[in-house]
Amino acid sequence: MRALEREVRTLIGRANIRPALNEITNGPVKIAEGGTLEVLAPDGTGIFGVGELWDGAYGTKIQRSDGTLAFNTGGSGEGSNMIRTFDRAGNVIVMDDYYTQRFLGRPWMPVPLYPTKQQGTESTNYQPAWVGGAPAHNAVMVLRVSSIASTGGGQVRVSMLPPSGGTVVLAEYDIPANTWTSKTHTWPLHNVDHLEYVGWLIEHRVKSSGAGIETRLFSSYTRNTFTADEAPDPPANAATAAAQTLTEPAPPSAEPPAETVKPGLHIIDD
């Protein structure tokens, strides 16, 4: 009995001198086997959480004091494994792109194009009406253009000047006489990598000598992909690297396979 009393006193003493359980002064903290970490406001509103989310997937979420979602990453279904920041109304204001891994999703970014002195021309040869460019932030380019030609009509041609060099004609179409013709062009930025500079060229000409044509630009910007079909093809070097990653076998491991960890509590050295 006396020995048992001494052991009890020893345990009580150690309990009194150990660090407080609500403070970590050194070393890592691990939450494994499907555990989660949550911070709640006094009224029960979730402010921060990491681990298993509401849909069964894993990620991180940050909410405001009123319960509105401010940030999350991970999750399943729509928005899977994306990083997203929300305004207080629930709109996504910053995110990466859902259908491509290389581009910003939001915000959409303007692409500055500038008029030339040939914005209105009487030439039967193509003349530059608008030129410009910008680094590629988003995956899809959008141009809204309107043109009018006099007797005989005219033509408009839109080209991309990719970082690899050369000119890629993306659209060429006729403009009927004496009628404003408006077009909204949408193109994925194929073979372009994030932040590579891309130039744009809008040209026009008349079909008959002595006629005239004018082209106006109403918007030019890049946006996120809306569907999987809009995901642009990667540059050749990126595609080659991805193919090697998928096809090359993994090197053999020099270490034996790890033992399966049984669920439940373990001592700190496990």
Foldseek 3Di string as FASTA:
>chain_A
DVVVVVVVVVVVVVVVPDDDPVDDDDDDDDDDDQDKDWDADPVGQTAWIFGQDPVRWGWIWGADPVNATAWIAADDDVRHRKTFGADRVGDTAWIDFPQDDFATADDWFFWDKDADPVLKDQAQDKDWGIKGWFFGHAFKKKWKKKKAKAPQWKKKWKWKQALVGDIHTDDIDTHDHPDIDIDIDMATPAQHGGRGMMMMTMIMYGNDHPMMMHMDTDGIIHHHDPDNVRGHHYHPVVVVVVVCVVPPDDDDDPDDDDDDDDDDDDPPVD
